[in-house]
mmCIF file of all heavy atoms, coordinates in Angstrom:
data_MODEL
# 
_entry.id   MODEL 
# 
loop_
_atom_site.group_PDB 
_atom_site.id 
_atom_site.type_symbol 
_atom_site.label_atom_id 
_atom_site.label_alt_id 
_atom_site.label_comp_id 
_atom_site.label_asym_id 
_atom_site.label_entity_id 
_atom_site.label_seq_id 
_atom_site.pdbx_PDB_ins_code 
_atom_site.Cartn_x 
_atom_site.Cartn_y 
_atom_site.Cartn_z 
_atom_site.occupancy 
_atom_site.B_iso_or_equiv 
_atom_site.pdbx_formal_charge 
_atom_site.auth_seq_id 
_atom_site.auth_comp_id 
_atom_site.auth_asym_id 
_atom_site.auth_atom_id 
_atom_site.pdbx_PDB_model_num 
ATOM 1   N N   . PHE A 1 1  ? 2.940  -9.432  -16.743 1.00 0.00 ? 1  PHE A N   1 
ATOM 2   C CA  . PHE A 1 1  ? 3.400  -8.685  -15.573 1.00 0.00 ? 1  PHE A CA  1 
ATOM 3   C C   . PHE A 1 1  ? 2.328  -8.781  -14.500 1.00 0.00 ? 1  PHE A C   1 
ATOM 4   O O   . PHE A 1 1  ? 1.171  -8.430  -14.737 1.00 0.00 ? 1  PHE A O   1 
ATOM 5   C CB  . PHE A 1 1  ? 3.660  -7.223  -15.933 1.00 0.00 ? 1  PHE A CB  1 
ATOM 6   C CG  . PHE A 1 1  ? 4.028  -6.370  -14.756 1.00 0.00 ? 1  PHE A CG  1 
ATOM 7   C CD1 . PHE A 1 1  ? 5.281  -6.466  -14.181 1.00 0.00 ? 1  PHE A CD1 1 
ATOM 8   C CD2 . PHE A 1 1  ? 3.117  -5.465  -14.215 1.00 0.00 ? 1  PHE A CD2 1 
ATOM 9   C CE1 . PHE A 1 1  ? 5.625  -5.682  -13.084 1.00 0.00 ? 1  PHE A CE1 1 
ATOM 10  C CE2 . PHE A 1 1  ? 3.444  -4.679  -13.128 1.00 0.00 ? 1  PHE A CE2 1 
ATOM 11  C CZ  . PHE A 1 1  ? 4.709  -4.790  -12.559 1.00 0.00 ? 1  PHE A CZ  1 
ATOM 12  N N   . THR A 1 2  ? 2.712  -9.261  -13.311 1.00 0.00 ? 2  THR A N   1 
ATOM 13  C CA  . THR A 1 2  ? 1.769  -9.489  -12.212 1.00 0.00 ? 2  THR A CA  1 
ATOM 14  C C   . THR A 1 2  ? 2.233  -8.753  -10.964 1.00 0.00 ? 2  THR A C   1 
ATOM 15  O O   . THR A 1 2  ? 3.417  -8.798  -10.608 1.00 0.00 ? 2  THR A O   1 
ATOM 16  C CB  . THR A 1 2  ? 1.639  -10.987 -11.900 1.00 0.00 ? 2  THR A CB  1 
ATOM 17  O OG1 . THR A 1 2  ? 1.256  -11.693 -13.075 1.00 0.00 ? 2  THR A OG1 1 
ATOM 18  C CG2 . THR A 1 2  ? 0.600  -11.229 -10.812 1.00 0.00 ? 2  THR A CG2 1 
ATOM 19  N N   . THR A 1 3  ? 1.284  -8.092  -10.309 1.00 0.00 ? 3  THR A N   1 
ATOM 20  C CA  . THR A 1 3  ? 1.543  -7.438  -9.025  1.00 0.00 ? 3  THR A CA  1 
ATOM 21  C C   . THR A 1 3  ? 0.665  -8.084  -7.956  1.00 0.00 ? 3  THR A C   1 
ATOM 22  O O   . THR A 1 3  ? -0.542 -8.237  -8.147  1.00 0.00 ? 3  THR A O   1 
ATOM 23  C CB  . THR A 1 3  ? 1.234  -5.940  -9.100  1.00 0.00 ? 3  THR A CB  1 
ATOM 24  O OG1 . THR A 1 3  ? 2.073  -5.335  -10.080 1.00 0.00 ? 3  THR A OG1 1 
ATOM 25  C CG2 . THR A 1 3  ? 1.490  -5.268  -7.763  1.00 0.00 ? 3  THR A CG2 1 
ATOM 26  N N   . LEU A 1 4  ? 1.290  -8.458  -6.834  1.00 0.00 ? 4  LEU A N   1 
ATOM 27  C CA  . LEU A 1 4  ? 0.591  -9.113  -5.732  1.00 0.00 ? 4  LEU A CA  1 
ATOM 28  C C   . LEU A 1 4  ? 0.715  -8.267  -4.468  1.00 0.00 ? 4  LEU A C   1 
ATOM 29  O O   . LEU A 1 4  ? 1.817  -7.861  -4.090  1.00 0.00 ? 4  LEU A O   1 
ATOM 30  C CB  . LEU A 1 4  ? 1.183  -10.504 -5.472  1.00 0.00 ? 4  LEU A CB  1 
ATOM 31  C CG  . LEU A 1 4  ? 1.185  -11.483 -6.648  1.00 0.00 ? 4  LEU A CG  1 
ATOM 32  C CD1 . LEU A 1 4  ? 2.029  -12.703 -6.317  1.00 0.00 ? 4  LEU A CD1 1 
ATOM 33  C CD2 . LEU A 1 4  ? -0.228 -11.903 -7.005  1.00 0.00 ? 4  LEU A CD2 1 
ATOM 34  N N   . ASP A 1 5  ? -0.417 -8.029  -3.826  1.00 0.00 ? 5  ASP A N   1 
ATOM 35  C CA  . ASP A 1 5  ? -0.437 -7.351  -2.529  1.00 0.00 ? 5  ASP A CA  1 
ATOM 36  C C   . ASP A 1 5  ? -1.109 -8.265  -1.507  1.00 0.00 ? 5  ASP A C   1 
ATOM 37  O O   . ASP A 1 5  ? -2.108 -8.920  -1.806  1.00 0.00 ? 5  ASP A O   1 
ATOM 38  C CB  . ASP A 1 5  ? -1.196 -6.026  -2.628  1.00 0.00 ? 5  ASP A CB  1 
ATOM 39  C CG  . ASP A 1 5  ? -0.469 -5.007  -3.477  1.00 0.00 ? 5  ASP A CG  1 
ATOM 40  O OD1 . ASP A 1 5  ? 0.614  -4.563  -3.073  1.00 0.00 ? 5  ASP A OD1 1 
ATOM 41  O OD2 . ASP A 1 5  ? -0.991 -4.664  -4.565  1.00 0.00 ? 5  ASP A OD2 1 
ATOM 42  N N   . ASN A 1 6  ? -0.566 -8.288  -0.301  1.00 0.00 ? 6  ASN A N   1 
ATOM 43  C CA  . ASN A 1 6  ? -1.044 -9.185  0.765   1.00 0.00 ? 6  ASN A CA  1 
ATOM 44  C C   . ASN A 1 6  ? -0.968 -10.643 0.314   1.00 0.00 ? 6  ASN A C   1 
ATOM 45  O O   . ASN A 1 6  ? -1.877 -11.436 0.557   1.00 0.00 ? 6  ASN A O   1 
ATOM 46  C CB  . ASN A 1 6  ? -2.478 -8.841  1.171   1.00 0.00 ? 6  ASN A CB  1 
ATOM 47  C CG  . ASN A 1 6  ? -2.613 -7.438  1.703   1.00 0.00 ? 6  ASN A CG  1 
ATOM 48  O OD1 . ASN A 1 6  ? -1.728 -6.955  2.412   1.00 0.00 ? 6  ASN A OD1 1 
ATOM 49  N ND2 . ASN A 1 6  ? -3.696 -6.765  1.349   1.00 0.00 ? 6  ASN A ND2 1 
ATOM 50  N N   . TYR A 1 7  ? 0.129  -10.972 -0.340  1.00 0.00 ? 7  TYR A N   1 
ATOM 51  C CA  . TYR A 1 7  ? 0.317  -12.336 -0.837  1.00 0.00 ? 7  TYR A CA  1 
ATOM 52  C C   . TYR A 1 7  ? 0.439  -13.307 0.336   1.00 0.00 ? 7  TYR A C   1 
ATOM 53  O O   . TYR A 1 7  ? 1.208  -13.079 1.280   1.00 0.00 ? 7  TYR A O   1 
ATOM 54  C CB  . TYR A 1 7  ? 1.565  -12.398 -1.711  1.00 0.00 ? 7  TYR A CB  1 
ATOM 55  C CG  . TYR A 1 7  ? 1.895  -13.774 -2.221  1.00 0.00 ? 7  TYR A CG  1 
ATOM 56  C CD1 . TYR A 1 7  ? 1.036  -14.449 -3.080  1.00 0.00 ? 7  TYR A CD1 1 
ATOM 57  C CD2 . TYR A 1 7  ? 3.078  -14.412 -1.836  1.00 0.00 ? 7  TYR A CD2 1 
ATOM 58  C CE1 . TYR A 1 7  ? 1.339  -15.715 -3.544  1.00 0.00 ? 7  TYR A CE1 1 
ATOM 59  C CE2 . TYR A 1 7  ? 3.402  -15.665 -2.302  1.00 0.00 ? 7  TYR A CE2 1 
ATOM 60  C CZ  . TYR A 1 7  ? 2.529  -16.317 -3.155  1.00 0.00 ? 7  TYR A CZ  1 
ATOM 61  O OH  . TYR A 1 7  ? 2.832  -17.574 -3.614  1.00 0.00 ? 7  TYR A OH  1 
ATOM 62  N N   . SER A 1 8  ? -0.318 -14.396 0.292   1.00 0.00 ? 8  SER A N   1 
ATOM 63  C CA  . SER A 1 8  ? -0.330 -15.385 1.377   1.00 0.00 ? 8  SER A CA  1 
ATOM 64  C C   . SER A 1 8  ? 0.549  -16.571 1.015   1.00 0.00 ? 8  SER A C   1 
ATOM 65  O O   . SER A 1 8  ? 0.545  -17.030 -0.140  1.00 0.00 ? 8  SER A O   1 
ATOM 66  C CB  . SER A 1 8  ? -1.764 -15.852 1.643   1.00 0.00 ? 8  SER A CB  1 
ATOM 67  O OG  . SER A 1 8  ? -2.598 -14.757 1.975   1.00 0.00 ? 8  SER A OG  1 
ATOM 68  N N   . TYR A 1 9  ? 1.260  -17.092 2.000   1.00 0.00 ? 9  TYR A N   1 
ATOM 69  C CA  . TYR A 1 9  ? 2.186  -18.202 1.748   1.00 0.00 ? 9  TYR A CA  1 
ATOM 70  C C   . TYR A 1 9  ? 2.422  -18.955 3.054   1.00 0.00 ? 9  TYR A C   1 
ATOM 71  O O   . TYR A 1 9  ? 2.145  -18.454 4.149   1.00 0.00 ? 9  TYR A O   1 
ATOM 72  C CB  . TYR A 1 9  ? 3.518  -17.682 1.193   1.00 0.00 ? 9  TYR A CB  1 
ATOM 73  C CG  . TYR A 1 9  ? 4.256  -16.748 2.127   1.00 0.00 ? 9  TYR A CG  1 
ATOM 74  C CD1 . TYR A 1 9  ? 5.255  -17.216 2.982   1.00 0.00 ? 9  TYR A CD1 1 
ATOM 75  C CD2 . TYR A 1 9  ? 3.941  -15.391 2.165   1.00 0.00 ? 9  TYR A CD2 1 
ATOM 76  C CE1 . TYR A 1 9  ? 5.923  -16.365 3.847   1.00 0.00 ? 9  TYR A CE1 1 
ATOM 77  C CE2 . TYR A 1 9  ? 4.598  -14.528 3.038   1.00 0.00 ? 9  TYR A CE2 1 
ATOM 78  C CZ  . TYR A 1 9  ? 5.596  -15.018 3.862   1.00 0.00 ? 9  TYR A CZ  1 
ATOM 79  O OH  . TYR A 1 9  ? 6.255  -14.180 4.725   1.00 0.00 ? 9  TYR A OH  1 
ATOM 80  N N   . PHE A 1 10 ? 2.923  -20.166 2.927   1.00 0.00 ? 10 PHE A N   1 
ATOM 81  C CA  . PHE A 1 10 ? 3.340  -20.958 4.082   1.00 0.00 ? 10 PHE A CA  1 
ATOM 82  C C   . PHE A 1 10 ? 4.862  -20.898 4.197   1.00 0.00 ? 10 PHE A C   1 
ATOM 83  O O   . PHE A 1 10 ? 5.574  -20.911 3.186   1.00 0.00 ? 10 PHE A O   1 
ATOM 84  C CB  . PHE A 1 10 ? 2.895  -22.414 3.935   1.00 0.00 ? 10 PHE A CB  1 
ATOM 85  C CG  . PHE A 1 10 ? 1.418  -22.621 4.128   1.00 0.00 ? 10 PHE A CG  1 
ATOM 86  C CD1 . PHE A 1 10 ? 0.565  -22.735 3.031   1.00 0.00 ? 10 PHE A CD1 1 
ATOM 87  C CD2 . PHE A 1 10 ? 0.879  -22.716 5.393   1.00 0.00 ? 10 PHE A CD2 1 
ATOM 88  C CE1 . PHE A 1 10 ? -0.793 -22.929 3.202   1.00 0.00 ? 10 PHE A CE1 1 
ATOM 89  C CE2 . PHE A 1 10 ? -0.485 -22.904 5.575   1.00 0.00 ? 10 PHE A CE2 1 
ATOM 90  C CZ  . PHE A 1 10 ? -1.314 -23.008 4.479   1.00 0.00 ? 10 PHE A CZ  1 
ATOM 91  N N   . ALA A 1 11 ? 5.339  -20.845 5.440   1.00 0.00 ? 11 ALA A N   1 
ATOM 92  C CA  . ALA A 1 11 ? 6.779  -20.798 5.682   1.00 0.00 ? 11 ALA A CA  1 
ATOM 93  C C   . ALA A 1 11 ? 7.067  -21.306 7.083   1.00 0.00 ? 11 ALA A C   1 
ATOM 94  O O   . ALA A 1 11 ? 6.153  -21.523 7.901   1.00 0.00 ? 11 ALA A O   1 
ATOM 95  C CB  . ALA A 1 11 ? 7.318  -19.382 5.505   1.00 0.00 ? 11 ALA A CB  1 
ATOM 96  N N   . VAL A 1 12 ? 8.348  -21.501 7.367   1.00 0.00 ? 12 VAL A N   1 
ATOM 97  C CA  . VAL A 1 12 ? 8.780  -21.929 8.687   1.00 0.00 ? 12 VAL A CA  1 
ATOM 98  C C   . VAL A 1 12 ? 8.394  -20.868 9.713   1.00 0.00 ? 12 VAL A C   1 
ATOM 99  O O   . VAL A 1 12 ? 8.556  -19.661 9.485   1.00 0.00 ? 12 VAL A O   1 
ATOM 100 C CB  . VAL A 1 12 ? 10.300 -22.163 8.710   1.00 0.00 ? 12 VAL A CB  1 
ATOM 101 C CG1 . VAL A 1 12 ? 10.779 -22.482 10.122  1.00 0.00 ? 12 VAL A CG1 1 
ATOM 102 C CG2 . VAL A 1 12 ? 10.674 -23.281 7.755   1.00 0.00 ? 12 VAL A CG2 1 
ATOM 103 N N   . ASP A 1 13 ? 7.840  -21.304 10.829  1.00 0.00 ? 13 ASP A N   1 
ATOM 104 C CA  . ASP A 1 13 ? 7.430  -20.395 11.890  1.00 0.00 ? 13 ASP A CA  1 
ATOM 105 C C   . ASP A 1 13 ? 8.656  -19.967 12.696  1.00 0.00 ? 13 ASP A C   1 
ATOM 106 O O   . ASP A 1 13 ? 9.246  -20.772 13.422  1.00 0.00 ? 13 ASP A O   1 
ATOM 107 C CB  . ASP A 1 13 ? 6.420  -21.093 12.799  1.00 0.00 ? 13 ASP A CB  1 
ATOM 108 C CG  . ASP A 1 13 ? 5.854  -20.161 13.857  1.00 0.00 ? 13 ASP A CG  1 
ATOM 109 O OD1 . ASP A 1 13 ? 6.256  -18.984 13.877  1.00 0.00 ? 13 ASP A OD1 1 
ATOM 110 O OD2 . ASP A 1 13 ? 5.019  -20.611 14.655  1.00 0.00 ? 13 ASP A OD2 1 
ATOM 111 N N   . PRO A 1 14 ? 9.082  -18.722 12.599  1.00 0.00 ? 14 PRO A N   1 
ATOM 112 C CA  . PRO A 1 14 ? 10.294 -18.291 13.324  1.00 0.00 ? 14 PRO A CA  1 
ATOM 113 C C   . PRO A 1 14 ? 10.098 -18.211 14.831  1.00 0.00 ? 14 PRO A C   1 
ATOM 114 O O   . PRO A 1 14 ? 11.076 -18.123 15.579  1.00 0.00 ? 14 PRO A O   1 
ATOM 115 C CB  . PRO A 1 14 ? 10.579 -16.905 12.728  1.00 0.00 ? 14 PRO A CB  1 
ATOM 116 C CG  . PRO A 1 14 ? 9.242  -16.408 12.281  1.00 0.00 ? 14 PRO A CG  1 
ATOM 117 C CD  . PRO A 1 14 ? 8.481  -17.620 11.827  1.00 0.00 ? 14 PRO A CD  1 
ATOM 118 N N   . SER A 1 15 ? 8.858  -18.236 15.295  1.00 0.00 ? 15 SER A N   1 
ATOM 119 C CA  . SER A 1 15 ? 8.610  -18.117 16.734  1.00 0.00 ? 15 SER A CA  1 
ATOM 120 C C   . SER A 1 15 ? 8.813  -19.429 17.471  1.00 0.00 ? 15 SER A C   1 
ATOM 121 O O   . SER A 1 15 ? 8.867  -19.450 18.698  1.00 0.00 ? 15 SER A O   1 
ATOM 122 C CB  . SER A 1 15 ? 7.180  -17.623 16.978  1.00 0.00 ? 15 SER A CB  1 
ATOM 123 O OG  . SER A 1 15 ? 6.226  -18.590 16.553  1.00 0.00 ? 15 SER A OG  1 
ATOM 124 N N   . VAL A 1 16 ? 8.932  -20.546 16.723  1.00 0.00 ? 16 VAL A N   1 
ATOM 125 C CA  . VAL A 1 16 ? 9.117  -21.851 17.352  1.00 0.00 ? 16 VAL A CA  1 
ATOM 126 C C   . VAL A 1 16 ? 10.604 -22.109 17.542  1.00 0.00 ? 16 VAL A C   1 
ATOM 127 O O   . VAL A 1 16 ? 11.402 -21.939 16.621  1.00 0.00 ? 16 VAL A O   1 
ATOM 128 C CB  . VAL A 1 16 ? 8.484  -22.972 16.497  1.00 0.00 ? 16 VAL A CB  1 
ATOM 129 C CG1 . VAL A 1 16 ? 8.746  -24.333 17.115  1.00 0.00 ? 16 VAL A CG1 1 
ATOM 130 C CG2 . VAL A 1 16 ? 6.987  -22.730 16.356  1.00 0.00 ? 16 VAL A CG2 1 
ATOM 131 N N   . THR A 1 17 ? 10.984 -22.509 18.719  1.00 0.00 ? 17 THR A N   1 
ATOM 132 C CA  . THR A 1 17 ? 12.382 -22.800 19.023  1.00 0.00 ? 17 THR A CA  1 
ATOM 133 C C   . THR A 1 17 ? 12.806 -24.085 18.332  1.00 0.00 ? 17 THR A C   1 
ATOM 134 O O   . THR A 1 17 ? 12.162 -25.122 18.468  1.00 0.00 ? 17 THR A O   1 
ATOM 135 C CB  . THR A 1 17 ? 12.603 -22.934 20.539  1.00 0.00 ? 17 THR A CB  1 
ATOM 136 O OG1 . THR A 1 17 ? 12.184 -21.721 21.168  1.00 0.00 ? 17 THR A OG1 1 
ATOM 137 C CG2 . THR A 1 17 ? 14.068 -23.204 20.842  1.00 0.00 ? 17 THR A CG2 1 
ATOM 138 N N   . ILE A 1 18 ? 13.906 -24.027 17.579  1.00 0.00 ? 18 ILE A N   1 
ATOM 139 C CA  . ILE A 1 18 ? 14.415 -25.191 16.858  1.00 0.00 ? 18 ILE A CA  1 
ATOM 140 C C   . ILE A 1 18 ? 15.458 -25.884 17.726  1.00 0.00 ? 18 ILE A C   1 
ATOM 141 O O   . ILE A 1 18 ? 16.440 -25.272 18.154  1.00 0.00 ? 18 ILE A O   1 
ATOM 142 C CB  . ILE A 1 18 ? 15.024 -24.771 15.507  1.00 0.00 ? 18 ILE A CB  1 
ATOM 143 C CG1 . ILE A 1 18 ? 14.005 -23.961 14.694  1.00 0.00 ? 18 ILE A CG1 1 
ATOM 144 C CG2 . ILE A 1 18 ? 15.490 -25.981 14.733  1.00 0.00 ? 18 ILE A CG2 1 
ATOM 145 C CD1 . ILE A 1 18 ? 12.715 -24.688 14.422  1.00 0.00 ? 18 ILE A CD1 1 
ATOM 146 N N   . VAL A 1 19 ? 15.237 -27.165 17.959  1.00 0.00 ? 19 VAL A N   1 
ATOM 147 C CA  . VAL A 1 19 ? 16.153 -27.918 18.806  1.00 0.00 ? 19 VAL A CA  1 
ATOM 148 C C   . VAL A 1 19 ? 17.424 -28.257 18.060  1.00 0.00 ? 19 VAL A C   1 
ATOM 149 O O   . VAL A 1 19 ? 18.525 -28.146 18.574  1.00 0.00 ? 19 VAL A O   1 
ATOM 150 C CB  . VAL A 1 19 ? 15.466 -29.207 19.312  1.00 0.00 ? 19 VAL A CB  1 
ATOM 151 C CG1 . VAL A 1 19 ? 16.431 -30.024 20.152  1.00 0.00 ? 19 VAL A CG1 1 
ATOM 152 C CG2 . VAL A 1 19 ? 14.230 -28.845 20.125  1.00 0.00 ? 19 VAL A CG2 1 
ATOM 153 N N   . ASP A 1 20 ? 17.310 -28.681 16.792  1.00 0.00 ? 20 ASP A N   1 
ATOM 154 C CA  . ASP A 1 20 ? 18.472 -29.016 15.987  1.00 0.00 ? 20 ASP A CA  1 
ATOM 155 C C   . ASP A 1 20 ? 18.177 -28.665 14.533  1.00 0.00 ? 20 ASP A C   1 
ATOM 156 O O   . ASP A 1 20 ? 17.051 -28.410 14.149  1.00 0.00 ? 20 ASP A O   1 
ATOM 157 C CB  . ASP A 1 20 ? 18.833 -30.499 16.126  1.00 0.00 ? 20 ASP A CB  1 
ATOM 158 C CG  . ASP A 1 20 ? 17.659 -31.404 15.780  1.00 0.00 ? 20 ASP A CG  1 
ATOM 159 O OD1 . ASP A 1 20 ? 17.291 -31.466 14.589  1.00 0.00 ? 20 ASP A OD1 1 
ATOM 160 O OD2 . ASP A 1 20 ? 17.105 -32.040 16.706  1.00 0.00 ? 20 ASP A OD2 1 
ATOM 161 N N   . ASP A 1 21 ? 19.214 -28.647 13.724  1.00 0.00 ? 21 ASP A N   1 
ATOM 162 C CA  . ASP A 1 21 ? 19.078 -28.221 12.335  1.00 0.00 ? 21 ASP A CA  1 
ATOM 163 C C   . ASP A 1 21 ? 18.166 -29.135 11.536  1.00 0.00 ? 21 ASP A C   1 
ATOM 164 O O   . ASP A 1 21 ? 17.562 -28.719 10.563  1.00 0.00 ? 21 ASP A O   1 
ATOM 165 C CB  . ASP A 1 21 ? 20.455 -28.161 11.666  1.00 0.00 ? 21 ASP A CB  1 
ATOM 166 C CG  . ASP A 1 21 ? 21.303 -27.035 12.243  1.00 0.00 ? 21 ASP A CG  1 
ATOM 167 O OD1 . ASP A 1 21 ? 20.702 -26.118 12.826  1.00 0.00 ? 21 ASP A OD1 1 
ATOM 168 O OD2 . ASP A 1 21 ? 22.546 -27.086 12.111  1.00 0.00 ? 21 ASP A OD2 1 
ATOM 169 N N   . GLU A 1 22 ? 18.091 -30.414 11.905  1.00 0.00 ? 22 GLU A N   1 
ATOM 170 C CA  . GLU A 1 22 ? 17.288 -31.346 11.137  1.00 0.00 ? 22 GLU A CA  1 
ATOM 171 C C   . GLU A 1 22 ? 15.796 -31.085 11.292  1.00 0.00 ? 22 GLU A C   1 
ATOM 172 O O   . GLU A 1 22 ? 14.995 -31.601 10.539  1.00 0.00 ? 22 GLU A O   1 
ATOM 173 C CB  . GLU A 1 22 ? 17.605 -32.784 11.568  1.00 0.00 ? 22 GLU A CB  1 
ATOM 174 C CG  . GLU A 1 22 ? 19.035 -33.213 11.233  1.00 0.00 ? 22 GLU A CG  1 
ATOM 175 C CD  . GLU A 1 22 ? 19.294 -34.646 11.659  1.00 0.00 ? 22 GLU A CD  1 
ATOM 176 O OE1 . GLU A 1 22 ? 18.377 -35.252 12.251  1.00 0.00 ? 22 GLU A OE1 1 
ATOM 177 O OE2 . GLU A 1 22 ? 20.389 -35.160 11.392  1.00 0.00 ? 22 GLU A OE2 1 
ATOM 178 N N   . SER A 1 23 ? 15.397 -30.286 12.251  1.00 0.00 ? 23 SER A N   1 
ATOM 179 C CA  . SER A 1 23 ? 13.979 -30.053 12.507  1.00 0.00 ? 23 SER A CA  1 
ATOM 180 C C   . SER A 1 23 ? 13.488 -28.694 12.010  1.00 0.00 ? 23 SER A C   1 
ATOM 181 O O   . SER A 1 23 ? 12.349 -28.344 12.217  1.00 0.00 ? 23 SER A O   1 
ATOM 182 C CB  . SER A 1 23 ? 13.691 -30.161 14.015  1.00 0.00 ? 23 SER A CB  1 
ATOM 183 O OG  . SER A 1 23 ? 14.038 -31.421 14.506  1.00 0.00 ? 23 SER A OG  1 
ATOM 184 N N   . GLU A 1 24 ? 14.384 -27.937 11.314  1.00 0.00 ? 24 GLU A N   1 
ATOM 185 C CA  . GLU A 1 24 ? 14.014 -26.565 11.023  1.00 0.00 ? 24 GLU A CA  1 
ATOM 186 C C   . GLU A 1 24 ? 12.893 -26.441 10.001  1.00 0.00 ? 24 GLU A C   1 
ATOM 187 O O   . GLU A 1 24 ? 12.313 -25.365 9.856   1.00 0.00 ? 24 GLU A O   1 
ATOM 188 C CB  . GLU A 1 24 ? 15.233 -25.780 10.557  1.00 0.00 ? 24 GLU A CB  1 
ATOM 189 C CG  . GLU A 1 24 ? 15.801 -26.256 9.226   1.00 0.00 ? 24 GLU A CG  1 
ATOM 190 C CD  . GLU A 1 24 ? 16.934 -25.360 8.768   1.00 0.00 ? 24 GLU A CD  1 
ATOM 191 O OE1 . GLU A 1 24 ? 17.041 -24.250 9.304   1.00 0.00 ? 24 GLU A OE1 1 
ATOM 192 O OE2 . GLU A 1 24 ? 17.689 -25.771 7.887   1.00 0.00 ? 24 GLU A OE2 1 
ATOM 193 N N   . ASN A 1 25 ? 12.557 -27.468 9.284   1.00 0.00 ? 25 ASN A N   1 
ATOM 194 C CA  . ASN A 1 25 ? 11.500 -27.354 8.282   1.00 0.00 ? 25 ASN A CA  1 
ATOM 195 C C   . ASN A 1 25 ? 10.208 -28.030 8.727   1.00 0.00 ? 25 ASN A C   1 
ATOM 196 O O   . ASN A 1 25 ? 9.384  -28.390 7.898   1.00 0.00 ? 25 ASN A O   1 
ATOM 197 C CB  . ASN A 1 25 ? 11.964 -27.960 6.956   1.00 0.00 ? 25 ASN A CB  1 
ATOM 198 C CG  . ASN A 1 25 ? 12.239 -29.451 7.071   1.00 0.00 ? 25 ASN A CG  1 
ATOM 199 O OD1 . ASN A 1 25 ? 12.398 -29.962 8.162   1.00 0.00 ? 25 ASN A OD1 1 
ATOM 200 N ND2 . ASN A 1 25 ? 12.306 -30.134 5.938   1.00 0.00 ? 25 ASN A ND2 1 
ATOM 201 N N   . GLN A 1 26 ? 10.008 -28.198 10.007  1.00 0.00 ? 26 GLN A N   1 
ATOM 202 C CA  . GLN A 1 26 ? 8.849  -28.955 10.463  1.00 0.00 ? 26 GLN A CA  1 
ATOM 203 C C   . GLN A 1 26 ? 7.692  -28.085 10.952  1.00 0.00 ? 26 GLN A C   1 
ATOM 204 O O   . GLN A 1 26 ? 6.563  -28.530 10.959  1.00 0.00 ? 26 GLN A O   1 
ATOM 205 C CB  . GLN A 1 26 ? 9.247  -29.915 11.597  1.00 0.00 ? 26 GLN A CB  1 
ATOM 206 C CG  . GLN A 1 26 ? 10.538 -30.687 11.380  1.00 0.00 ? 26 GLN A CG  1 
ATOM 207 C CD  . GLN A 1 26 ? 10.655 -31.274 10.002  1.00 0.00 ? 26 GLN A CD  1 
ATOM 208 O OE1 . GLN A 1 26 ? 9.657  -31.718 9.445   1.00 0.00 ? 26 GLN A OE1 1 
ATOM 209 N NE2 . GLN A 1 26 ? 11.840 -31.266 9.445   1.00 0.00 ? 26 GLN A NE2 1 
ATOM 210 N N   . TYR A 1 27 ? 7.937  -26.869 11.394  1.00 0.00 ? 27 TYR A N   1 
ATOM 211 C CA  . TYR A 1 27 ? 6.900  -26.059 12.016  1.00 0.00 ? 27 TYR A CA  1 
ATOM 212 C C   . TYR A 1 27 ? 6.470  -24.963 11.040  1.00 0.00 ? 27 TYR A C   1 
ATOM 213 O O   . TYR A 1 27 ? 7.102  -23.915 10.935  1.00 0.00 ? 27 TYR A O   1 
ATOM 214 C CB  . TYR A 1 27 ? 7.408  -25.472 13.332  1.00 0.00 ? 27 TYR A CB  1 
ATOM 215 C CG  . TYR A 1 27 ? 8.033  -26.532 14.223  1.00 0.00 ? 27 TYR A CG  1 
ATOM 216 C CD1 . TYR A 1 27 ? 9.375  -26.459 14.574  1.00 0.00 ? 27 TYR A CD1 1 
ATOM 217 C CD2 . TYR A 1 27 ? 7.277  -27.613 14.662  1.00 0.00 ? 27 TYR A CD2 1 
ATOM 218 C CE1 . TYR A 1 27 ? 9.947  -27.439 15.375  1.00 0.00 ? 27 TYR A CE1 1 
ATOM 219 C CE2 . TYR A 1 27 ? 7.843  -28.595 15.457  1.00 0.00 ? 27 TYR A CE2 1 
ATOM 220 C CZ  . TYR A 1 27 ? 9.177  -28.508 15.808  1.00 0.00 ? 27 TYR A CZ  1 
ATOM 221 O OH  . TYR A 1 27 ? 9.740  -29.485 16.584  1.00 0.00 ? 27 TYR A OH  1 
ATOM 222 N N   . ILE A 1 28 ? 5.399  -25.217 10.352  1.00 0.00 ? 28 ILE A N   1 
ATOM 223 C CA  . ILE A 1 28 ? 4.972  -24.375 9.233   1.00 0.00 ? 28 ILE A CA  1 
ATOM 224 C C   . ILE A 1 28 ? 3.691  -23.641 9.603   1.00 0.00 ? 28 ILE A C   1 
ATOM 225 O O   . ILE A 1 28 ? 2.782  -24.222 10.206  1.00 0.00 ? 28 ILE A O   1 
ATOM 226 C CB  . ILE A 1 28 ? 4.742  -25.229 7.966   1.00 0.00 ? 28 ILE A CB  1 
ATOM 227 C CG1 . ILE A 1 28 ? 5.924  -26.167 7.727   1.00 0.00 ? 28 ILE A CG1 1 
ATOM 228 C CG2 . ILE A 1 28 ? 4.488  -24.346 6.758   1.00 0.00 ? 28 ILE A CG2 1 
ATOM 229 C CD1 . ILE A 1 28 ? 7.248  -25.469 7.591   1.00 0.00 ? 28 ILE A CD1 1 
ATOM 230 N N   . LYS A 1 29 ? 3.628  -22.371 9.234   1.00 0.00 ? 29 LYS A N   1 
ATOM 231 C CA  . LYS A 1 29 ? 2.429  -21.568 9.459   1.00 0.00 ? 29 LYS A CA  1 
ATOM 232 C C   . LYS A 1 29 ? 2.190  -20.642 8.268   1.00 0.00 ? 29 LYS A C   1 
ATOM 233 O O   . LYS A 1 29 ? 3.112  -20.355 7.505   1.00 0.00 ? 29 LYS A O   1 
ATOM 234 C CB  . LYS A 1 29 ? 2.561  -20.742 10.743  1.00 0.00 ? 29 LYS A CB  1 
ATOM 235 C CG  . LYS A 1 29 ? 2.340  -21.550 12.012  1.00 0.00 ? 29 LYS A CG  1 
ATOM 236 C CD  . LYS A 1 29 ? 2.119  -20.641 13.214  1.00 0.00 ? 29 LYS A CD  1 
ATOM 237 C CE  . LYS A 1 29 ? 1.715  -21.442 14.443  1.00 0.00 ? 29 LYS A CE  1 
ATOM 238 N NZ  . LYS A 1 29 ? 1.457  -20.584 15.612  1.00 0.00 ? 29 LYS A NZ  1 
# 
């Protein structure tokens, strides 16, 4: 059993405007 607080991860940056669906996985932060 593991508990994580302030877990860090990389994900798509929602603040970047996506031009088309094919580019949605390119801007990672």
